[in-house]
N, C-alpha and C. Protein backbone atom coordinates (compact mmCIF):
# COMPACT_ATOMS: atom_id res chain seq x y z
N UNK A 1 0.80 -1.17 0.01
CA UNK A 1 0.00 0.02 -0.01
C UNK A 1 0.87 1.17 0.01
N UNK A 2 0.48 2.19 -0.77
CA UNK A 2 1.44 3.33 -0.92
C UNK A 2 1.06 4.24 0.32
N UNK A 3 2.18 4.83 0.81
CA UNK A 3 2.19 5.72 1.89
C UNK A 3 1.48 7.14 1.51
N UNK A 4 0.64 7.72 2.38
CA UNK A 4 0.07 8.95 2.14
C UNK A 4 0.97 10.00 2.28
N UNK A 5 1.15 10.96 1.35
CA UNK A 5 2.15 11.97 1.73
C UNK A 5 1.38 13.25 2.38
N UNK A 6 1.92 13.68 3.36
CA UNK A 6 1.24 14.66 4.04
C UNK A 6 1.61 16.02 3.32
N UNK A 7 0.68 16.91 3.20
CA UNK A 7 1.10 18.22 2.53
C UNK A 7 1.88 18.95 3.45
N UNK A 8 2.65 19.76 2.89
CA UNK A 8 3.48 20.47 3.77
C UNK A 8 2.69 21.66 4.36
N UNK A 9 2.80 22.11 5.63
CA UNK A 9 2.13 23.15 6.13
C UNK A 9 2.36 24.53 5.40
N UNK A 10 1.24 25.33 5.36
CA UNK A 10 1.33 26.65 4.66
C UNK A 10 2.07 27.53 5.44
N UNK A 11 2.98 28.40 4.99
CA UNK A 11 3.51 29.36 5.78
C UNK A 11 2.87 30.47 6.17
N UNK A 12 2.97 31.22 7.23
CA UNK A 12 2.47 32.44 7.71
C UNK A 12 2.49 33.49 6.59
N UNK A 13 3.54 33.62 5.67
CA UNK A 13 3.55 34.57 4.63
C UNK A 13 2.56 34.11 3.57
N UNK A 14 2.24 32.83 3.32
CA UNK A 14 1.38 32.40 2.43
C UNK A 14 -0.12 32.64 2.85
N UNK A 15 -0.25 32.39 4.04
CA UNK A 15 -1.66 32.65 4.76
C UNK A 15 -1.99 34.06 4.66
N UNK A 16 -1.06 34.97 5.00
CA UNK A 16 -1.27 36.44 4.89
C UNK A 16 -1.63 36.81 3.42
N UNK A 17 -0.85 36.22 2.41
CA UNK A 17 -1.04 36.56 1.07
C UNK A 17 -2.50 35.99 0.66
N UNK A 18 -3.05 34.91 1.08
CA UNK A 18 -4.40 34.47 0.90
C UNK A 18 -5.41 35.32 1.57
N UNK A 19 -5.23 35.73 2.80
CA UNK A 19 -6.07 36.52 3.47
C UNK A 19 -6.18 38.09 2.74
N UNK A 20 -5.05 38.36 2.21
CA UNK A 20 -5.22 39.58 1.57
C UNK A 20 -5.86 39.55 0.28
N UNK A 21 -5.73 38.54 -0.48
CA UNK A 21 -6.25 38.28 -1.73
C UNK A 21 -7.75 38.18 -1.74
N UNK A 22 -8.36 37.55 -0.63
CA UNK A 22 -9.75 37.51 -0.28
C UNK A 22 -10.30 38.44 0.66
N UNK A 23 -9.48 39.57 0.84
CA UNK A 23 -9.89 40.80 1.49
C UNK A 23 -10.51 40.46 2.80
N UNK A 24 -9.91 39.56 3.65
CA UNK A 24 -10.10 39.38 4.98
C UNK A 24 -10.17 40.62 5.90
N UNK A 25 -11.13 41.09 6.47
CA UNK A 25 -11.04 42.26 7.28
C UNK A 25 -10.33 41.87 8.61
N UNK A 26 -9.96 40.71 8.92
CA UNK A 26 -9.32 40.47 10.13
C UNK A 26 -7.97 40.33 9.96
N UNK A 27 -7.04 41.02 10.74
CA UNK A 27 -5.56 41.06 10.38
C UNK A 27 -4.93 39.57 10.83
N UNK A 28 -4.05 39.21 10.23
CA UNK A 28 -3.36 37.67 10.45
C UNK A 28 -3.13 37.44 11.88
N UNK A 29 -2.60 38.48 12.68
CA UNK A 29 -2.34 38.23 14.12
C UNK A 29 -3.51 37.93 14.80
N UNK A 30 -4.55 38.38 14.63
CA UNK A 30 -5.87 38.20 15.16
C UNK A 30 -6.50 36.89 14.70
N UNK A 31 -6.46 36.57 13.33
CA UNK A 31 -6.70 35.34 12.99
C UNK A 31 -6.22 34.25 13.82
N UNK A 32 -4.92 34.11 14.01
CA UNK A 32 -4.29 33.16 14.82
C UNK A 32 -4.94 32.98 16.13
N UNK A 33 -5.14 34.16 16.82
CA UNK A 33 -5.51 33.98 18.12
C UNK A 33 -7.16 33.66 18.17
N UNK A 34 -7.92 34.14 17.24
CA UNK A 34 -9.20 33.66 17.04
C UNK A 34 -9.19 32.07 16.92
N UNK A 35 -8.50 31.50 16.04
CA UNK A 35 -8.35 30.00 15.93
C UNK A 35 -7.96 29.32 17.27
N UNK A 36 -6.92 30.06 17.88
CA UNK A 36 -6.36 29.35 19.18
C UNK A 36 -7.60 29.40 20.16
N UNK A 37 -8.11 30.48 20.31
CA UNK A 37 -9.19 30.63 21.30
C UNK A 37 -10.41 29.61 20.96
N UNK A 38 -10.73 29.21 19.63
CA UNK A 38 -11.87 28.28 19.28
C UNK A 38 -11.22 26.98 19.48
N UNK A 39 -10.10 26.67 19.29
CA UNK A 39 -9.51 25.40 19.87
C UNK A 39 -9.69 25.18 21.14
N UNK A 40 -9.40 25.99 21.93
CA UNK A 40 -9.51 25.94 23.40
C UNK A 40 -10.84 25.95 24.13
N UNK A 41 -11.85 26.32 23.25
CA UNK A 41 -13.16 26.60 23.85
C UNK A 41 -13.84 25.33 24.34
N UNK A 42 -14.58 25.36 25.54
CA UNK A 42 -15.46 24.22 25.91
C UNK A 42 -16.82 24.26 25.06
N UNK A 43 -17.15 25.35 24.27
CA UNK A 43 -18.44 25.53 23.69
C UNK A 43 -18.60 24.28 22.80
N UNK A 44 -19.64 23.66 22.84
CA UNK A 44 -20.14 22.62 22.03
C UNK A 44 -20.57 22.98 20.60
N UNK A 45 -20.81 24.14 20.42
CA UNK A 45 -21.26 24.75 19.05
C UNK A 45 -19.90 25.26 18.24
N UNK A 46 -18.80 25.07 18.73
CA UNK A 46 -17.62 25.50 18.14
C UNK A 46 -17.31 24.54 16.74
N UNK A 47 -16.85 25.30 15.99
CA UNK A 47 -16.65 24.40 14.61
C UNK A 47 -15.52 25.30 13.69
N UNK A 48 -14.66 24.49 13.33
CA UNK A 48 -13.53 25.36 12.51
C UNK A 48 -14.11 26.13 11.22
N UNK A 49 -14.94 25.72 10.60
CA UNK A 49 -15.46 26.25 9.30
C UNK A 49 -16.32 27.44 9.73
N UNK A 50 -17.02 27.37 10.98
CA UNK A 50 -17.81 28.45 11.35
C UNK A 50 -16.88 29.59 11.86
N UNK A 51 -15.72 29.28 12.38
CA UNK A 51 -14.72 30.35 12.77
C UNK A 51 -14.29 30.94 11.49
N UNK A 52 -13.79 30.35 10.44
CA UNK A 52 -13.30 30.67 9.17
C UNK A 52 -14.34 31.64 8.52
N UNK A 53 -15.69 31.28 8.66
CA UNK A 53 -16.56 31.97 8.01
C UNK A 53 -16.63 33.35 8.86
N UNK A 54 -16.81 33.39 10.11
CA UNK A 54 -16.64 34.43 11.02
C UNK A 54 -15.66 35.69 10.61
N UNK A 55 -14.72 35.01 10.07
CA UNK A 55 -13.62 36.04 9.66
C UNK A 55 -14.01 37.02 8.61
N UNK A 56 -15.12 36.60 7.89
CA UNK A 56 -15.51 37.45 6.86
C UNK A 56 -16.92 37.85 7.24
N UNK A 57 -17.22 37.94 8.31
CA UNK A 57 -18.51 38.55 8.93
C UNK A 57 -19.52 37.37 8.87
N UNK A 58 -19.39 36.02 8.87
CA UNK A 58 -20.26 35.07 8.76
C UNK A 58 -20.42 34.22 7.41
N UNK A 59 -19.93 34.73 6.33
CA UNK A 59 -19.96 34.09 5.06
C UNK A 59 -18.59 34.09 4.41
N UNK A 60 -18.37 33.09 3.86
CA UNK A 60 -16.97 32.90 3.12
C UNK A 60 -17.05 33.95 1.94
N UNK A 61 -15.78 34.41 1.54
CA UNK A 61 -15.87 35.28 0.30
C UNK A 61 -16.24 34.44 -1.01
N UNK A 62 -16.40 35.23 -1.95
CA UNK A 62 -16.91 34.54 -3.35
C UNK A 62 -15.53 33.92 -3.85
N UNK A 63 -15.69 32.79 -4.43
CA UNK A 63 -14.44 32.26 -5.29
C UNK A 63 -15.02 31.94 -6.72
N UNK A 64 -13.90 31.88 -7.49
CA UNK A 64 -14.00 31.55 -9.08
C UNK A 64 -14.23 30.12 -9.24
N UNK A 65 -13.76 29.25 -8.29
CA UNK A 65 -13.82 27.90 -8.50
C UNK A 65 -13.84 27.34 -7.20
N UNK A 66 -14.22 25.93 -7.27
CA UNK A 66 -14.18 25.09 -5.93
C UNK A 66 -12.81 25.04 -5.64
N UNK A 67 -11.90 24.93 -6.33
CA UNK A 67 -10.35 24.82 -6.27
C UNK A 67 -9.81 26.01 -5.33
N UNK A 68 -10.30 27.06 -5.66
CA UNK A 68 -9.98 28.34 -4.85
C UNK A 68 -10.49 28.16 -3.58
N UNK A 69 -11.61 27.71 -3.38
CA UNK A 69 -12.10 27.65 -1.95
C UNK A 69 -11.47 26.59 -1.20
N UNK A 70 -11.20 25.52 -1.78
CA UNK A 70 -10.42 24.50 -1.17
C UNK A 70 -9.02 24.91 -0.65
N UNK A 71 -8.37 25.67 -1.61
CA UNK A 71 -7.15 26.26 -1.01
C UNK A 71 -7.10 27.10 0.18
N UNK A 72 -8.10 28.06 0.18
CA UNK A 72 -8.34 29.00 1.17
C UNK A 72 -8.74 28.04 2.50
N UNK A 73 -9.67 27.33 2.42
CA UNK A 73 -10.14 26.61 3.55
C UNK A 73 -9.08 25.64 3.96
N UNK A 74 -8.46 24.95 3.18
CA UNK A 74 -7.35 23.94 3.42
C UNK A 74 -6.29 24.60 4.27
N UNK A 75 -5.81 25.96 3.59
CA UNK A 75 -4.67 26.63 4.23
C UNK A 75 -5.14 27.04 5.70
N UNK A 76 -6.38 27.47 5.97
CA UNK A 76 -6.77 27.96 7.18
C UNK A 76 -7.01 26.92 8.16
N UNK A 77 -7.59 25.72 7.87
CA UNK A 77 -8.14 24.70 8.60
C UNK A 77 -6.97 23.59 8.82
N UNK A 78 -6.68 23.05 7.51
CA UNK A 78 -5.63 22.06 7.45
C UNK A 78 -4.28 22.41 7.74
N UNK A 79 -3.98 23.71 7.47
CA UNK A 79 -2.74 24.42 7.64
C UNK A 79 -2.68 24.94 9.05
N UNK A 80 -3.16 26.28 9.15
CA UNK A 80 -2.91 26.97 10.41
C UNK A 80 -3.82 26.45 11.57
N UNK A 81 -5.18 25.97 11.43
CA UNK A 81 -5.88 25.48 12.52
C UNK A 81 -5.03 24.24 13.22
N UNK A 82 -4.63 23.22 12.28
CA UNK A 82 -4.04 22.03 12.68
C UNK A 82 -2.56 22.33 13.34
N UNK A 83 -1.90 23.45 12.77
CA UNK A 83 -0.56 23.86 13.37
C UNK A 83 -0.87 24.40 14.76
N UNK A 84 -2.03 25.04 15.05
CA UNK A 84 -2.29 25.73 16.33
C UNK A 84 -2.69 24.67 17.38
N UNK A 85 -3.16 23.59 16.96
CA UNK A 85 -3.59 22.56 17.76
C UNK A 85 -2.33 22.06 18.85
N UNK A 86 -1.21 22.19 18.23
CA UNK A 86 -0.06 21.75 18.97
C UNK A 86 0.07 22.49 20.33
N UNK A 87 -0.59 23.66 20.48
CA UNK A 87 -0.37 24.46 21.53
C UNK A 87 -1.29 24.13 22.67
N UNK A 88 -2.04 22.91 22.55
CA UNK A 88 -2.85 22.40 23.52
C UNK A 88 -1.96 21.66 24.62
N UNK A 89 -0.73 21.33 24.26
CA UNK A 89 0.27 20.62 24.94
C UNK A 89 0.89 21.62 25.76
N UNK A 90 1.10 21.51 27.22
CA UNK A 90 1.77 22.50 27.98
C UNK A 90 3.30 22.46 27.46
N UNK A 91 3.94 21.59 27.06
CA UNK A 91 5.26 21.58 26.54
C UNK A 91 5.51 22.49 25.36
N UNK A 92 4.39 22.81 24.67
CA UNK A 92 4.54 23.63 23.56
C UNK A 92 3.76 24.90 23.55
N UNK A 93 4.29 25.83 24.13
CA UNK A 93 3.53 27.17 24.45
C UNK A 93 3.51 27.98 23.16
N UNK A 94 2.26 28.66 23.09
CA UNK A 94 1.76 29.43 22.00
C UNK A 94 2.76 30.78 22.17
N UNK A 95 3.28 31.22 20.95
CA UNK A 95 4.11 32.31 20.95
C UNK A 95 3.24 33.41 20.09
N UNK A 96 3.31 34.63 20.75
CA UNK A 96 2.65 35.75 20.04
C UNK A 96 3.63 36.15 18.84
N UNK A 97 2.98 36.72 17.88
CA UNK A 97 3.96 37.26 16.69
C UNK A 97 4.78 38.42 17.34
N UNK A 98 6.10 38.23 16.91
CA UNK A 98 7.01 39.09 17.20
C UNK A 98 7.22 40.12 16.14
N UNK A 99 7.35 41.41 16.40
CA UNK A 99 7.41 42.32 15.42
C UNK A 99 8.32 43.45 16.04
N UNK A 100 9.33 43.95 14.92
CA UNK A 100 10.06 44.95 15.29
C UNK A 100 9.42 46.26 15.67
N UNK A 101 9.63 46.97 16.58
CA UNK A 101 8.84 47.98 17.24
C UNK A 101 9.99 49.25 17.23
N UNK A 102 9.55 50.28 16.60
CA UNK A 102 10.39 51.50 16.80
C UNK A 102 9.99 52.03 18.18
N UNK A 103 11.11 52.85 18.79
CA UNK A 103 10.87 53.62 20.09
C UNK A 103 10.17 54.94 19.89
N UNK A 104 8.96 54.81 19.22
CA UNK A 104 8.31 56.16 19.01
C UNK A 104 6.68 55.81 19.26
N UNK A 105 6.15 56.91 19.29
CA UNK A 105 4.69 56.94 19.78
C UNK A 105 4.02 55.85 18.74
N UNK A 106 4.29 55.97 17.44
CA UNK A 106 3.69 55.26 16.36
C UNK A 106 3.90 53.74 16.65
N UNK A 107 5.38 53.39 16.91
CA UNK A 107 5.68 52.08 17.39
C UNK A 107 4.95 51.43 18.57
N UNK A 108 4.76 52.40 19.39
CA UNK A 108 4.06 51.94 20.70
C UNK A 108 2.60 51.68 20.36
N UNK A 109 2.01 52.65 19.57
CA UNK A 109 0.54 52.47 19.26
C UNK A 109 0.27 51.29 18.39
N UNK A 110 1.27 50.91 17.46
CA UNK A 110 1.07 49.74 16.62
C UNK A 110 1.11 48.32 17.29
N UNK A 111 2.21 48.52 18.36
CA UNK A 111 2.38 47.30 19.28
C UNK A 111 1.28 47.14 20.10
N UNK A 112 0.70 48.10 20.81
CA UNK A 112 -0.49 48.03 21.69
C UNK A 112 -1.66 47.59 20.97
N UNK A 113 -1.82 48.19 19.69
CA UNK A 113 -3.11 47.84 18.93
C UNK A 113 -3.07 46.32 18.64
N UNK A 114 -1.92 45.91 18.10
CA UNK A 114 -1.79 44.45 17.76
C UNK A 114 -1.99 43.54 18.83
N UNK A 115 -1.58 43.81 20.14
CA UNK A 115 -1.79 42.85 21.31
C UNK A 115 -3.30 43.05 21.70
N UNK A 116 -3.75 44.25 21.59
CA UNK A 116 -5.33 44.35 21.88
C UNK A 116 -6.16 43.43 20.99
N UNK A 117 -5.73 43.60 19.68
CA UNK A 117 -6.59 42.72 18.89
C UNK A 117 -6.33 41.36 18.83
N UNK A 118 -5.19 40.93 19.24
CA UNK A 118 -4.75 39.44 19.53
C UNK A 118 -5.62 39.03 20.84
N UNK A 119 -5.75 39.68 21.72
CA UNK A 119 -6.48 39.38 22.86
C UNK A 119 -7.99 39.37 22.55
N UNK A 120 -8.47 40.20 21.85
CA UNK A 120 -9.84 40.22 21.38
C UNK A 120 -10.21 39.07 20.52
N UNK A 121 -9.16 38.70 19.68
CA UNK A 121 -9.59 37.60 18.94
C UNK A 121 -9.47 36.21 19.61
N UNK A 122 -8.61 36.15 20.60
CA UNK A 122 -8.61 34.89 21.44
C UNK A 122 -10.05 34.63 22.13
N UNK A 123 -10.47 35.79 22.67
CA UNK A 123 -11.80 35.92 23.62
C UNK A 123 -12.79 35.56 22.57
N UNK A 124 -12.88 35.98 21.38
CA UNK A 124 -14.03 35.95 20.43
C UNK A 124 -13.96 34.42 19.90
N UNK A 125 -12.76 33.80 19.75
CA UNK A 125 -12.56 32.49 19.27
C UNK A 125 -13.20 31.57 20.50
N UNK A 126 -12.60 31.94 21.89
CA UNK A 126 -13.01 31.10 22.89
C UNK A 126 -14.56 30.99 23.26
N UNK A 127 -15.24 32.18 22.97
CA UNK A 127 -16.72 32.17 23.16
C UNK A 127 -17.20 31.61 22.08
N UNK A 128 -16.84 31.48 20.90
CA UNK A 128 -17.40 30.79 19.64
C UNK A 128 -19.01 31.25 19.57
N UNK A 129 -19.08 32.57 19.67
CA UNK A 129 -20.57 32.91 19.49
C UNK A 129 -21.63 32.74 20.66
N UNK A 130 -20.97 32.09 21.77
CA UNK A 130 -21.89 31.98 23.10
C UNK A 130 -21.85 33.16 23.74
N UNK A 131 -22.71 33.31 24.50
CA UNK A 131 -22.87 34.53 25.41
C UNK A 131 -22.21 34.12 26.83
N UNK A 132 -22.53 32.93 27.25
CA UNK A 132 -21.80 32.55 28.58
C UNK A 132 -20.99 31.22 28.36
N UNK A 133 -19.97 31.09 29.05
CA UNK A 133 -18.96 29.96 28.96
C UNK A 133 -18.94 29.43 30.28
N UNK A 134 -18.94 28.11 30.53
CA UNK A 134 -18.67 27.41 31.63
C UNK A 134 -17.20 27.00 31.82
N UNK A 135 -16.32 27.73 32.61
CA UNK A 135 -14.84 27.45 32.57
C UNK A 135 -14.48 27.14 33.92
N UNK A 136 -13.64 26.33 33.96
CA UNK A 136 -12.98 25.83 35.44
C UNK A 136 -12.45 27.16 36.06
N UNK A 137 -12.37 27.26 37.37
CA UNK A 137 -11.90 28.42 38.15
C UNK A 137 -10.55 28.94 37.64
N UNK A 138 -9.64 27.92 37.41
CA UNK A 138 -8.37 28.47 36.80
C UNK A 138 -8.49 29.07 35.43
N UNK A 139 -9.43 28.80 34.55
CA UNK A 139 -9.74 29.20 33.29
C UNK A 139 -10.34 30.78 33.35
N UNK A 140 -11.23 30.85 34.48
CA UNK A 140 -12.02 31.98 34.72
C UNK A 140 -10.90 32.96 35.27
N UNK A 141 -10.02 32.62 36.09
CA UNK A 141 -9.03 33.66 36.51
C UNK A 141 -8.09 34.00 35.41
N UNK A 142 -7.62 33.12 34.59
CA UNK A 142 -6.86 33.47 33.49
C UNK A 142 -7.42 34.42 32.55
N UNK A 143 -8.84 34.12 32.44
CA UNK A 143 -9.66 35.00 31.48
C UNK A 143 -9.68 36.54 32.07
N UNK A 144 -9.74 36.63 33.35
CA UNK A 144 -9.71 38.01 33.99
C UNK A 144 -8.43 38.45 33.79
N UNK A 145 -7.33 37.84 33.99
CA UNK A 145 -6.07 38.51 33.66
C UNK A 145 -5.89 38.96 32.26
N UNK A 146 -6.40 38.21 31.30
CA UNK A 146 -6.33 38.70 29.99
C UNK A 146 -7.09 39.93 29.81
N UNK A 147 -8.40 40.00 30.50
CA UNK A 147 -9.20 41.29 30.37
C UNK A 147 -8.42 42.53 30.91
N UNK A 148 -7.61 42.28 32.02
CA UNK A 148 -6.88 43.34 32.50
C UNK A 148 -5.76 43.80 31.65
N UNK A 149 -5.03 42.86 31.01
CA UNK A 149 -4.03 43.00 29.89
C UNK A 149 -4.59 43.83 28.80
N UNK A 150 -5.88 43.32 28.55
CA UNK A 150 -6.45 44.02 27.27
C UNK A 150 -6.89 45.52 27.47
N UNK A 151 -7.20 45.63 28.78
CA UNK A 151 -7.66 47.12 29.31
C UNK A 151 -6.35 47.98 29.20
N UNK A 152 -5.29 47.31 29.61
CA UNK A 152 -4.11 48.19 29.51
C UNK A 152 -3.61 48.47 28.13
N UNK A 153 -3.67 47.56 27.36
CA UNK A 153 -3.29 47.79 25.81
C UNK A 153 -4.35 48.63 25.11
N UNK A 154 -5.66 48.70 25.57
CA UNK A 154 -6.54 49.69 24.95
C UNK A 154 -6.29 51.11 25.43
N UNK A 155 -5.94 50.95 26.87
CA UNK A 155 -5.57 52.37 27.38
C UNK A 155 -4.55 53.06 26.77
N UNK A 156 -3.50 52.24 26.28
CA UNK A 156 -2.29 52.60 25.53
C UNK A 156 -2.51 53.16 24.27
N UNK A 157 -3.42 52.42 23.46
CA UNK A 157 -4.07 52.73 22.23
C UNK A 157 -4.75 54.09 22.32
N UNK A 158 -5.53 54.31 23.31
CA UNK A 158 -6.36 55.44 23.56
C UNK A 158 -5.57 56.73 23.76
N UNK A 159 -4.62 56.50 24.75
CA UNK A 159 -3.71 57.61 25.01
C UNK A 159 -2.76 58.26 23.99
N UNK A 160 -2.22 57.11 23.44
CA UNK A 160 -1.10 57.48 22.32
C UNK A 160 -1.94 58.04 21.05
N UNK A 161 -3.03 57.40 20.67
CA UNK A 161 -3.76 57.89 19.57
C UNK A 161 -4.28 59.33 19.82
N UNK A 162 -4.95 59.51 21.13
CA UNK A 162 -5.37 60.98 21.21
C UNK A 162 -4.39 61.91 21.35
N UNK A 163 -3.15 61.61 21.82
CA UNK A 163 -2.11 62.65 21.75
C UNK A 163 -1.69 63.08 20.48
N UNK A 164 -1.46 61.85 19.51
CA UNK A 164 -1.12 62.36 18.15
C UNK A 164 0.17 62.89 17.94
N UNK A 165 1.03 62.88 18.94
CA UNK A 165 2.26 63.40 18.88
C UNK A 165 3.29 62.51 18.30
N UNK A 166 4.38 62.90 17.73
CA UNK A 166 5.53 62.02 17.24
C UNK A 166 6.76 61.98 17.90
N UNK A 167 6.64 62.34 19.11
CA UNK A 167 8.04 62.64 19.88
C UNK A 167 8.43 61.07 20.21
N UNK A 168 9.54 60.88 20.49
CA UNK A 168 10.12 59.56 20.68
C UNK A 168 9.91 59.33 22.14
N UNK A 169 9.43 58.22 22.44
CA UNK A 169 9.13 57.53 23.63
C UNK A 169 10.01 56.24 23.92
N UNK A 170 10.39 55.89 25.20
CA UNK A 170 11.17 54.75 25.39
C UNK A 170 10.17 53.36 25.07
N UNK A 171 10.78 52.38 24.61
CA UNK A 171 10.15 51.26 24.06
C UNK A 171 9.69 50.68 25.48
N UNK A 172 8.38 50.16 25.51
CA UNK A 172 8.00 49.53 26.73
C UNK A 172 8.51 48.27 27.02
N UNK A 173 8.96 47.85 28.12
CA UNK A 173 9.47 46.59 28.28
C UNK A 173 8.60 45.72 29.22
N UNK A 174 7.62 46.38 30.02
CA UNK A 174 6.77 45.47 30.75
C UNK A 174 5.61 46.58 31.20
N UNK A 175 4.53 45.85 31.69
CA UNK A 175 3.44 46.70 32.41
C UNK A 175 3.24 45.81 33.64
N UNK A 176 2.60 46.41 34.69
CA UNK A 176 2.36 45.76 35.97
C UNK A 176 0.82 45.46 36.04
N UNK A 177 0.46 44.22 36.28
CA UNK A 177 -0.96 43.81 36.31
C UNK A 177 -1.02 43.28 37.71
N UNK A 178 -1.84 43.95 38.71
CA UNK A 178 -2.16 43.31 40.00
C UNK A 178 -0.88 43.00 40.56
N UNK A 179 0.20 43.80 40.47
CA UNK A 179 1.38 43.60 41.24
C UNK A 179 2.37 42.53 40.48
N UNK A 180 1.87 42.00 39.49
CA UNK A 180 2.79 41.10 38.62
C UNK A 180 3.26 41.37 37.45
N UNK A 181 4.34 41.10 37.16
CA UNK A 181 5.13 41.70 35.90
C UNK A 181 4.47 40.77 34.92
N UNK A 182 4.07 41.44 33.60
CA UNK A 182 3.52 40.95 32.64
C UNK A 182 4.19 41.50 31.20
N UNK A 183 4.60 40.67 30.45
CA UNK A 183 5.11 40.95 29.16
C UNK A 183 4.47 40.10 28.09
N UNK A 184 5.15 40.08 26.99
CA UNK A 184 4.59 39.25 25.87
C UNK A 184 4.49 37.72 26.40
N UNK A 185 5.50 37.44 27.34
CA UNK A 185 5.59 36.02 27.81
C UNK A 185 4.59 36.04 28.89
N UNK A 186 4.11 37.00 29.63
CA UNK A 186 2.99 37.05 30.46
C UNK A 186 1.64 36.59 29.71
N UNK A 187 1.51 37.34 28.71
CA UNK A 187 0.24 37.13 27.93
C UNK A 187 0.14 35.61 27.34
N UNK A 188 1.41 35.16 26.99
CA UNK A 188 1.45 33.80 26.35
C UNK A 188 1.28 32.69 27.48
N UNK A 189 1.77 33.01 28.54
CA UNK A 189 1.61 31.97 29.91
C UNK A 189 0.10 32.03 30.29
N UNK A 190 -0.51 33.07 30.23
CA UNK A 190 -1.91 33.15 30.56
C UNK A 190 -2.88 32.47 29.56
N UNK A 191 -2.53 32.81 28.28
CA UNK A 191 -3.19 32.05 27.20
C UNK A 191 -3.15 30.45 27.47
N UNK A 192 -2.04 29.96 27.94
CA UNK A 192 -1.88 28.60 28.02
C UNK A 192 -2.63 27.86 29.10
N UNK A 193 -3.02 28.84 30.25
CA UNK A 193 -3.66 28.28 31.25
C UNK A 193 -5.26 28.11 31.08
N UNK A 194 -5.77 28.66 29.89
CA UNK A 194 -7.10 28.63 29.53
C UNK A 194 -7.16 27.26 28.82
């Protein structure tokens, strides 16, 4: 019997190009966390295809052929979704997208906006369209921590965007939440507890 060849996983760059081609309104960094949240959800209504449809407001974009649809859905579900399932294991922690940030207000704004969108995406995926979720106490606490982090990032976005200045500011290295040090690693660790 011939061995089945596994298709190589789609790269992040290829996924970005597909999302752009089909005018996905959700940025790639948020797509990742939406799918991750949906993988972690206890909601019985969760479905990978529904989550993909939700990226376009509930309906897939129009395709010229079934092959085009298969490429996009395959890349998102068989590629990215399946790749993200590895983060269900504690020994394989999820990593946020790292990006070069300039020590300017614009750089701070871009980073804070990206982190806020990532957290929003995770929560949207986790809730999977449900109004209420039954989470264990540990998951509930972690979700509260994520909400605090999201509020900080949203506050940074609001303050920096409202200021509109272009003066150079120090690159942020950490923020304090409830007396605990939180960085990208803090967000990643908190996501892992849900």
